[in-house]
Amino acid sequence: MFQENLKNYRKAKGLTQEDLAVRLHVVRQTISKWEKGLSVPDAALLVRLSEVLEVPVSQLLGAPLPPESSTDQVAEQLARINEQLAQKNRRARRIWQVVVGILLAFVLLWGILCLLSYHSYTQYVSPPKIQVEPLSSIPVERRCSDAVA
């Protein structure tokens, strides 16, 4: 919810990500990460962000908090958002670990099968061993009789 609110309030104010980043003294990629939901600002930046966009922190966070809400409530909500983001990142990291593990298992299995296949091929398909005698060791009479017959 924070990411949509940030993007909507930024656009309503007529600011680009770069403009907002300059005003907050962060890089543009940080604003992009906030808008994509990949990270969230800390409490100090959240307050500064609400000042730049001229909206209360409660509206930025998307929860209808009463105007007299304390900073403890805002901090609690921010902590909840951070925890959700951490769970999302842990889940994504675990998925990548499983995918990489499966790929490594397939590559290892493929390598073993290739080695076994090559060993079988060289063992049973190697050319037969033929003993060749030099022509000079065969007696002349035998050479002539073989040629006539």
N, C-alpha and C. Protein backbone atom coordinates (compact mmCIF):
# COMPACT_ATOMS: atom_id res chain seq x y z
N MET A 1 0.83 -1.17 0.00
CA MET A 1 0.00 0.00 0.00
C MET A 1 0.88 1.25 0.00
N PHE A 2 1.98 1.23 0.77
CA PHE A 2 2.87 2.39 0.82
C PHE A 2 3.40 2.73 -0.56
N GLN A 3 3.81 1.69 -1.32
CA GLN A 3 4.41 1.95 -2.62
C GLN A 3 3.45 2.65 -3.58
N GLU A 4 2.16 2.24 -3.58
CA GLU A 4 1.19 2.90 -4.46
C GLU A 4 0.95 4.33 -4.02
N ASN A 5 0.83 4.53 -2.71
CA ASN A 5 0.61 5.88 -2.19
C ASN A 5 1.77 6.80 -2.54
N LEU A 6 2.99 6.31 -2.37
CA LEU A 6 4.16 7.12 -2.68
C LEU A 6 4.16 7.54 -4.14
N LYS A 7 3.90 6.59 -5.02
CA LYS A 7 3.90 6.89 -6.45
C LYS A 7 2.80 7.89 -6.79
N ASN A 8 1.60 7.68 -6.25
CA ASN A 8 0.47 8.58 -6.55
C ASN A 8 0.73 9.99 -6.03
N TYR A 9 1.20 10.12 -4.79
CA TYR A 9 1.46 11.45 -4.23
C TYR A 9 2.61 12.14 -4.96
N ARG A 10 3.62 11.38 -5.36
CA ARG A 10 4.74 11.96 -6.10
C ARG A 10 4.28 12.51 -7.43
N LYS A 11 3.47 11.72 -8.15
CA LYS A 11 2.97 12.16 -9.46
C LYS A 11 2.00 13.32 -9.31
N ALA A 12 1.17 13.28 -8.27
CA ALA A 12 0.22 14.38 -8.04
C ALA A 12 0.97 15.68 -7.76
N LYS A 13 2.12 15.58 -7.17
CA LYS A 13 2.95 16.75 -6.87
C LYS A 13 3.74 17.19 -8.10
N GLY A 14 3.73 16.36 -9.16
CA GLY A 14 4.45 16.69 -10.39
C GLY A 14 5.95 16.46 -10.29
N LEU A 15 6.35 15.54 -9.45
CA LEU A 15 7.77 15.25 -9.25
C LEU A 15 8.16 13.96 -9.95
N THR A 16 9.36 13.94 -10.50
CA THR A 16 9.90 12.69 -11.02
C THR A 16 10.62 11.98 -9.88
N GLN A 17 10.99 10.75 -10.12
CA GLN A 17 11.76 10.02 -9.10
C GLN A 17 13.07 10.75 -8.81
N GLU A 18 13.68 11.28 -9.86
CA GLU A 18 14.95 12.00 -9.70
C GLU A 18 14.76 13.26 -8.85
N ASP A 19 13.68 14.02 -9.12
CA ASP A 19 13.41 15.24 -8.34
C ASP A 19 13.23 14.91 -6.86
N LEU A 20 12.43 13.89 -6.59
CA LEU A 20 12.18 13.50 -5.21
C LEU A 20 13.46 13.01 -4.54
N ALA A 21 14.27 12.27 -5.27
CA ALA A 21 15.53 11.77 -4.72
C ALA A 21 16.46 12.92 -4.35
N VAL A 22 16.52 13.94 -5.18
CA VAL A 22 17.38 15.09 -4.89
C VAL A 22 16.90 15.79 -3.62
N ARG A 23 15.60 15.94 -3.47
CA ARG A 23 15.06 16.63 -2.29
C ARG A 23 15.29 15.83 -1.00
N LEU A 24 15.35 14.50 -1.13
CA LEU A 24 15.54 13.66 0.06
C LEU A 24 17.01 13.29 0.28
N HIS A 25 17.88 13.69 -0.66
CA HIS A 25 19.31 13.38 -0.59
C HIS A 25 19.56 11.87 -0.65
N VAL A 26 18.86 11.21 -1.57
CA VAL A 26 19.08 9.78 -1.84
C VAL A 26 19.22 9.63 -3.35
N VAL A 27 19.57 8.44 -3.80
CA VAL A 27 19.67 8.19 -5.24
C VAL A 27 18.30 7.81 -5.80
N ARG A 28 18.15 7.98 -7.10
CA ARG A 28 16.87 7.70 -7.75
C ARG A 28 16.46 6.24 -7.58
N GLN A 29 17.44 5.33 -7.57
CA GLN A 29 17.14 3.91 -7.43
C GLN A 29 16.47 3.61 -6.10
N THR A 30 16.77 4.40 -5.08
CA THR A 30 16.13 4.20 -3.78
C THR A 30 14.64 4.48 -3.88
N ILE A 31 14.28 5.57 -4.57
CA ILE A 31 12.86 5.90 -4.76
C ILE A 31 12.18 4.79 -5.55
N SER A 32 12.88 4.28 -6.57
CA SER A 32 12.33 3.19 -7.38
C SER A 32 12.08 1.95 -6.53
N LYS A 33 13.02 1.61 -5.66
CA LYS A 33 12.83 0.44 -4.78
C LYS A 33 11.64 0.63 -3.86
N TRP A 34 11.45 1.85 -3.35
CA TRP A 34 10.31 2.12 -2.48
C TRP A 34 9.01 1.94 -3.25
N GLU A 35 8.98 2.44 -4.49
CA GLU A 35 7.75 2.36 -5.28
C GLU A 35 7.47 0.94 -5.76
N LYS A 36 8.49 0.12 -5.88
CA LYS A 36 8.30 -1.28 -6.28
C LYS A 36 8.04 -2.18 -5.09
N GLY A 37 8.18 -1.65 -3.89
CA GLY A 37 7.96 -2.45 -2.69
C GLY A 37 9.12 -3.33 -2.33
N LEU A 38 10.32 -3.04 -2.86
CA LEU A 38 11.49 -3.85 -2.54
C LEU A 38 12.15 -3.42 -1.24
N SER A 39 11.89 -2.19 -0.82
CA SER A 39 12.39 -1.72 0.47
C SER A 39 11.50 -0.58 0.93
N VAL A 40 11.69 -0.16 2.15
CA VAL A 40 10.92 0.96 2.71
C VAL A 40 11.89 1.92 3.38
N PRO A 41 11.51 3.19 3.45
CA PRO A 41 12.40 4.16 4.09
C PRO A 41 12.40 3.99 5.61
N ASP A 42 13.47 4.45 6.24
CA ASP A 42 13.48 4.42 7.70
C ASP A 42 12.59 5.55 8.22
N ALA A 43 12.41 5.63 9.52
CA ALA A 43 11.46 6.57 10.11
C ALA A 43 11.83 8.02 9.79
N ALA A 44 13.12 8.36 9.84
CA ALA A 44 13.53 9.74 9.56
C ALA A 44 13.22 10.13 8.12
N LEU A 45 13.53 9.23 7.19
CA LEU A 45 13.24 9.52 5.78
C LEU A 45 11.74 9.55 5.52
N LEU A 46 11.00 8.74 6.23
CA LEU A 46 9.55 8.73 6.07
C LEU A 46 8.95 10.07 6.47
N VAL A 47 9.45 10.63 7.56
CA VAL A 47 8.97 11.95 8.00
C VAL A 47 9.36 13.01 6.97
N ARG A 48 10.60 12.97 6.49
CA ARG A 48 11.07 13.94 5.48
C ARG A 48 10.27 13.78 4.19
N LEU A 49 9.96 12.55 3.81
CA LEU A 49 9.17 12.27 2.62
C LEU A 49 7.78 12.87 2.74
N SER A 50 7.18 12.72 3.90
CA SER A 50 5.84 13.29 4.10
C SER A 50 5.88 14.81 4.04
N GLU A 51 6.97 15.42 4.49
CA GLU A 51 7.11 16.87 4.40
C GLU A 51 7.26 17.33 2.96
N VAL A 52 8.07 16.62 2.18
CA VAL A 52 8.29 16.99 0.78
C VAL A 52 7.00 16.84 -0.02
N LEU A 53 6.27 15.76 0.22
CA LEU A 53 5.03 15.52 -0.52
C LEU A 53 3.83 16.25 0.09
N GLU A 54 4.04 16.85 1.26
CA GLU A 54 3.00 17.61 1.96
C GLU A 54 1.77 16.77 2.27
N VAL A 55 2.02 15.57 2.77
CA VAL A 55 0.94 14.68 3.22
C VAL A 55 1.37 14.09 4.56
N PRO A 56 0.42 13.77 5.42
CA PRO A 56 0.79 13.15 6.69
C PRO A 56 1.39 11.75 6.48
N VAL A 57 2.23 11.36 7.41
CA VAL A 57 2.85 10.04 7.35
C VAL A 57 1.79 8.96 7.32
N SER A 58 0.72 9.15 8.06
CA SER A 58 -0.35 8.15 8.10
C SER A 58 -0.96 7.94 6.73
N GLN A 59 -1.10 9.01 5.94
CA GLN A 59 -1.64 8.85 4.59
C GLN A 59 -0.64 8.13 3.69
N LEU A 60 0.63 8.42 3.86
CA LEU A 60 1.65 7.73 3.07
C LEU A 60 1.64 6.23 3.34
N LEU A 61 1.48 5.88 4.60
CA LEU A 61 1.47 4.46 4.97
C LEU A 61 0.17 3.78 4.60
N GLY A 62 -0.86 4.56 4.31
CA GLY A 62 -2.10 3.99 3.81
C GLY A 62 -3.09 3.57 4.87
N ALA A 63 -2.80 3.78 6.12
CA ALA A 63 -3.73 3.39 7.17
C ALA A 63 -4.41 4.64 7.71
N PRO A 64 -5.70 4.57 7.92
CA PRO A 64 -6.41 5.74 8.44
C PRO A 64 -6.14 5.92 9.93
N LEU A 65 -5.02 6.55 10.23
CA LEU A 65 -4.68 6.82 11.62
C LEU A 65 -5.26 8.18 12.02
N PRO A 66 -5.72 8.32 13.24
CA PRO A 66 -6.20 9.62 13.67
C PRO A 66 -5.06 10.64 13.66
N PRO A 67 -5.37 11.93 13.44
CA PRO A 67 -4.32 12.93 13.34
C PRO A 67 -3.45 13.04 14.59
N GLU A 68 -3.98 12.72 15.75
CA GLU A 68 -3.19 12.81 16.97
C GLU A 68 -2.40 11.53 17.25
N SER A 69 -2.24 10.69 16.23
CA SER A 69 -1.52 9.43 16.42
C SER A 69 -0.08 9.72 16.83
N SER A 70 0.40 8.89 17.68
CA SER A 70 1.75 9.10 18.19
C SER A 70 2.78 8.50 17.22
N THR A 71 4.00 8.88 17.42
CA THR A 71 5.07 8.33 16.59
C THR A 71 5.26 6.84 16.86
N ASP A 72 4.81 6.39 18.04
CA ASP A 72 4.90 4.96 18.33
C ASP A 72 4.04 4.15 17.39
N GLN A 73 2.86 4.67 17.08
CA GLN A 73 1.96 3.96 16.17
C GLN A 73 2.55 3.94 14.76
N VAL A 74 3.13 5.05 14.35
CA VAL A 74 3.76 5.11 13.03
C VAL A 74 4.94 4.15 12.99
N ALA A 75 5.74 4.14 14.03
CA ALA A 75 6.89 3.23 14.08
C ALA A 75 6.44 1.78 14.07
N GLU A 76 5.33 1.49 14.76
CA GLU A 76 4.80 0.13 14.78
C GLU A 76 4.35 -0.30 13.39
N GLN A 77 3.68 0.61 12.70
CA GLN A 77 3.22 0.28 11.35
C GLN A 77 4.41 0.11 10.41
N LEU A 78 5.41 0.95 10.55
CA LEU A 78 6.61 0.82 9.73
C LEU A 78 7.33 -0.49 10.03
N ALA A 79 7.37 -0.89 11.27
CA ALA A 79 7.99 -2.17 11.64
C ALA A 79 7.23 -3.34 11.02
N ARG A 80 5.91 -3.23 10.99
CA ARG A 80 5.09 -4.28 10.37
C ARG A 80 5.39 -4.38 8.87
N ILE A 81 5.50 -3.23 8.22
CA ILE A 81 5.82 -3.22 6.79
C ILE A 81 7.20 -3.83 6.56
N ASN A 82 8.16 -3.47 7.40
CA ASN A 82 9.51 -4.04 7.27
C ASN A 82 9.50 -5.56 7.45
N GLU A 83 8.71 -6.06 8.38
CA GLU A 83 8.62 -7.50 8.61
C GLU A 83 8.02 -8.21 7.40
N GLN A 84 6.98 -7.60 6.82
CA GLN A 84 6.37 -8.19 5.62
C GLN A 84 7.38 -8.24 4.48
N LEU A 85 8.14 -7.17 4.33
CA LEU A 85 9.16 -7.13 3.28
C LEU A 85 10.24 -8.19 3.54
N ALA A 86 10.63 -8.35 4.78
CA ALA A 86 11.64 -9.36 5.12
C ALA A 86 11.14 -10.76 4.81
N GLN A 87 9.87 -11.04 5.12
CA GLN A 87 9.30 -12.36 4.80
C GLN A 87 9.29 -12.59 3.30
N LYS A 88 8.92 -11.56 2.55
CA LYS A 88 8.89 -11.67 1.10
C LYS A 88 10.29 -11.96 0.56
N ASN A 89 11.29 -11.27 1.08
CA ASN A 89 12.67 -11.49 0.63
C ASN A 89 13.17 -12.88 1.01
N ARG A 90 12.84 -13.35 2.21
CA ARG A 90 13.25 -14.70 2.62
C ARG A 90 12.62 -15.76 1.72
N ARG A 91 11.35 -15.57 1.39
CA ARG A 91 10.65 -16.52 0.52
C ARG A 91 11.29 -16.54 -0.87
N ALA A 92 11.60 -15.36 -1.40
CA ALA A 92 12.22 -15.29 -2.73
C ALA A 92 13.61 -15.93 -2.70
N ARG A 93 14.37 -15.69 -1.65
CA ARG A 93 15.71 -16.27 -1.55
C ARG A 93 15.62 -17.79 -1.47
N ARG A 94 14.66 -18.31 -0.73
CA ARG A 94 14.49 -19.76 -0.60
C ARG A 94 14.12 -20.39 -1.94
N ILE A 95 13.25 -19.71 -2.68
CA ILE A 95 12.86 -20.22 -4.00
C ILE A 95 14.09 -20.30 -4.91
N TRP A 96 14.93 -19.27 -4.89
CA TRP A 96 16.14 -19.28 -5.72
C TRP A 96 17.08 -20.40 -5.29
N GLN A 97 17.20 -20.64 -4.00
CA GLN A 97 18.07 -21.71 -3.52
C GLN A 97 17.58 -23.07 -4.02
N VAL A 98 16.28 -23.28 -3.99
CA VAL A 98 15.71 -24.55 -4.46
C VAL A 98 15.95 -24.71 -5.96
N VAL A 99 15.72 -23.65 -6.72
CA VAL A 99 15.91 -23.71 -8.18
C VAL A 99 17.37 -24.01 -8.51
N VAL A 100 18.29 -23.32 -7.86
CA VAL A 100 19.71 -23.56 -8.12
C VAL A 100 20.10 -24.98 -7.71
N GLY A 101 19.57 -25.46 -6.60
CA GLY A 101 19.86 -26.83 -6.17
C GLY A 101 19.38 -27.86 -7.17
N ILE A 102 18.18 -27.66 -7.69
CA ILE A 102 17.65 -28.58 -8.69
C ILE A 102 18.49 -28.55 -9.96
N LEU A 103 18.88 -27.35 -10.40
CA LEU A 103 19.71 -27.24 -11.59
C LEU A 103 21.07 -27.93 -11.39
N LEU A 104 21.67 -27.73 -10.24
CA LEU A 104 22.95 -28.40 -9.97
C LEU A 104 22.80 -29.92 -9.95
N ALA A 105 21.71 -30.40 -9.40
CA ALA A 105 21.47 -31.85 -9.39
C ALA A 105 21.34 -32.39 -10.81
N PHE A 106 20.62 -31.66 -11.67
CA PHE A 106 20.47 -32.10 -13.05
C PHE A 106 21.81 -32.08 -13.78
N VAL A 107 22.61 -31.05 -13.58
CA VAL A 107 23.91 -30.97 -14.23
C VAL A 107 24.81 -32.11 -13.75
N LEU A 108 24.80 -32.39 -12.47
CA LEU A 108 25.60 -33.48 -11.93
C LEU A 108 25.14 -34.83 -12.49
N LEU A 109 23.84 -35.05 -12.53
CA LEU A 109 23.30 -36.29 -13.07
C LEU A 109 23.66 -36.43 -14.55
N TRP A 110 23.54 -35.34 -15.29
CA TRP A 110 23.87 -35.36 -16.72
C TRP A 110 25.35 -35.70 -16.90
N GLY A 111 26.22 -35.11 -16.09
CA GLY A 111 27.65 -35.39 -16.19
C GLY A 111 27.96 -36.84 -15.90
N ILE A 112 27.33 -37.39 -14.88
CA ILE A 112 27.55 -38.81 -14.54
C ILE A 112 27.08 -39.70 -15.67
N LEU A 113 25.92 -39.41 -16.23
CA LEU A 113 25.41 -40.22 -17.34
C LEU A 113 26.31 -40.12 -18.56
N CYS A 114 26.85 -38.94 -18.83
CA CYS A 114 27.78 -38.79 -19.96
C CYS A 114 29.04 -39.62 -19.74
N LEU A 115 29.58 -39.59 -18.54
CA LEU A 115 30.78 -40.39 -18.25
C LEU A 115 30.50 -41.88 -18.39
N LEU A 116 29.38 -42.34 -17.86
CA LEU A 116 29.03 -43.76 -17.98
C LEU A 116 28.80 -44.15 -19.43
N SER A 117 28.15 -43.30 -20.17
CA SER A 117 27.89 -43.57 -21.59
C SER A 117 29.20 -43.64 -22.36
N TYR A 118 30.11 -42.73 -22.12
CA TYR A 118 31.39 -42.72 -22.81
C TYR A 118 32.19 -43.97 -22.46
N HIS A 119 32.18 -44.35 -21.19
CA HIS A 119 32.90 -45.55 -20.77
C HIS A 119 32.33 -46.78 -21.47
N SER A 120 31.01 -46.90 -21.52
CA SER A 120 30.38 -48.04 -22.19
C SER A 120 30.73 -48.05 -23.67
N TYR A 121 30.71 -46.90 -24.28
CA TYR A 121 30.99 -46.80 -25.71
C TYR A 121 32.42 -47.23 -26.00
N THR A 122 33.37 -46.76 -25.24
CA THR A 122 34.77 -47.10 -25.51
C THR A 122 35.07 -48.55 -25.17
N GLN A 123 34.33 -49.12 -24.25
CA GLN A 123 34.59 -50.50 -23.85
C GLN A 123 34.07 -51.49 -24.90
N TYR A 124 32.90 -51.25 -25.47
CA TYR A 124 32.28 -52.23 -26.36
C TYR A 124 32.39 -51.88 -27.84
N VAL A 125 32.76 -50.70 -28.19
CA VAL A 125 32.77 -50.31 -29.59
C VAL A 125 34.19 -50.07 -30.09
N SER A 126 35.16 -50.32 -29.29
CA SER A 126 36.54 -50.08 -29.73
C SER A 126 36.86 -51.04 -30.88
N PRO A 127 37.70 -50.63 -31.81
CA PRO A 127 38.01 -51.47 -32.98
C PRO A 127 38.69 -52.77 -32.55
N PRO A 128 38.43 -53.84 -33.31
CA PRO A 128 39.04 -55.13 -32.96
C PRO A 128 40.56 -55.07 -33.14
N LYS A 129 41.24 -55.84 -32.34
CA LYS A 129 42.70 -55.89 -32.40
C LYS A 129 43.09 -56.90 -33.48
N ILE A 130 43.62 -56.43 -34.58
CA ILE A 130 44.05 -57.30 -35.68
C ILE A 130 45.58 -57.28 -35.71
N GLN A 131 46.13 -58.47 -35.73
CA GLN A 131 47.58 -58.56 -35.77
C GLN A 131 48.01 -58.56 -37.23
N VAL A 132 48.87 -57.64 -37.56
CA VAL A 132 49.34 -57.51 -38.94
C VAL A 132 50.80 -57.95 -38.99
N GLU A 133 51.07 -58.89 -39.92
CA GLU A 133 52.45 -59.35 -40.08
C GLU A 133 53.07 -58.57 -41.23
N PRO A 134 54.32 -58.23 -41.09
CA PRO A 134 54.97 -57.56 -42.22
C PRO A 134 55.08 -58.51 -43.41
N LEU A 135 54.98 -57.98 -44.58
CA LEU A 135 54.99 -58.76 -45.81
C LEU A 135 56.30 -59.53 -45.97
N SER A 136 57.36 -59.01 -45.49
CA SER A 136 58.66 -59.67 -45.66
C SER A 136 58.78 -60.94 -44.81
N SER A 137 57.96 -61.09 -43.79
CA SER A 137 58.07 -62.29 -42.96
C SER A 137 57.31 -63.47 -43.55
N ILE A 138 56.49 -63.26 -44.57
CA ILE A 138 55.75 -64.36 -45.19
C ILE A 138 56.63 -64.94 -46.31
N PRO A 139 56.79 -66.27 -46.35
CA PRO A 139 57.63 -66.86 -47.41
C PRO A 139 57.06 -66.56 -48.80
N VAL A 140 57.94 -66.48 -49.77
CA VAL A 140 57.57 -66.11 -51.13
C VAL A 140 56.62 -67.13 -51.72
N GLU A 141 56.82 -68.43 -51.48
CA GLU A 141 55.97 -69.46 -52.05
C GLU A 141 54.53 -69.28 -51.59
N ARG A 142 54.37 -68.92 -50.35
CA ARG A 142 53.03 -68.76 -49.80
C ARG A 142 52.35 -67.53 -50.41
N ARG A 143 53.14 -66.49 -50.66
CA ARG A 143 52.58 -65.28 -51.24
C ARG A 143 52.09 -65.57 -52.66
N CYS A 144 52.85 -66.32 -53.40
CA CYS A 144 52.48 -66.61 -54.78
C CYS A 144 51.29 -67.55 -54.84
N SER A 145 51.23 -68.54 -53.97
CA SER A 145 50.13 -69.49 -54.00
C SER A 145 48.83 -68.81 -53.57
N ASP A 146 48.90 -67.87 -52.66
CA ASP A 146 47.71 -67.14 -52.23
C ASP A 146 47.19 -66.25 -53.35
N ALA A 147 48.09 -65.73 -54.15
CA ALA A 147 47.69 -64.83 -55.23
C ALA A 147 47.02 -65.61 -56.35
N VAL A 148 47.45 -66.86 -56.64
CA VAL A 148 46.90 -67.66 -57.72
C VAL A 148 45.54 -68.21 -57.32
N ALA A 149 45.40 -68.59 -56.11
CA ALA A 149 44.18 -69.23 -55.66
C ALA A 149 43.06 -68.31 -55.55
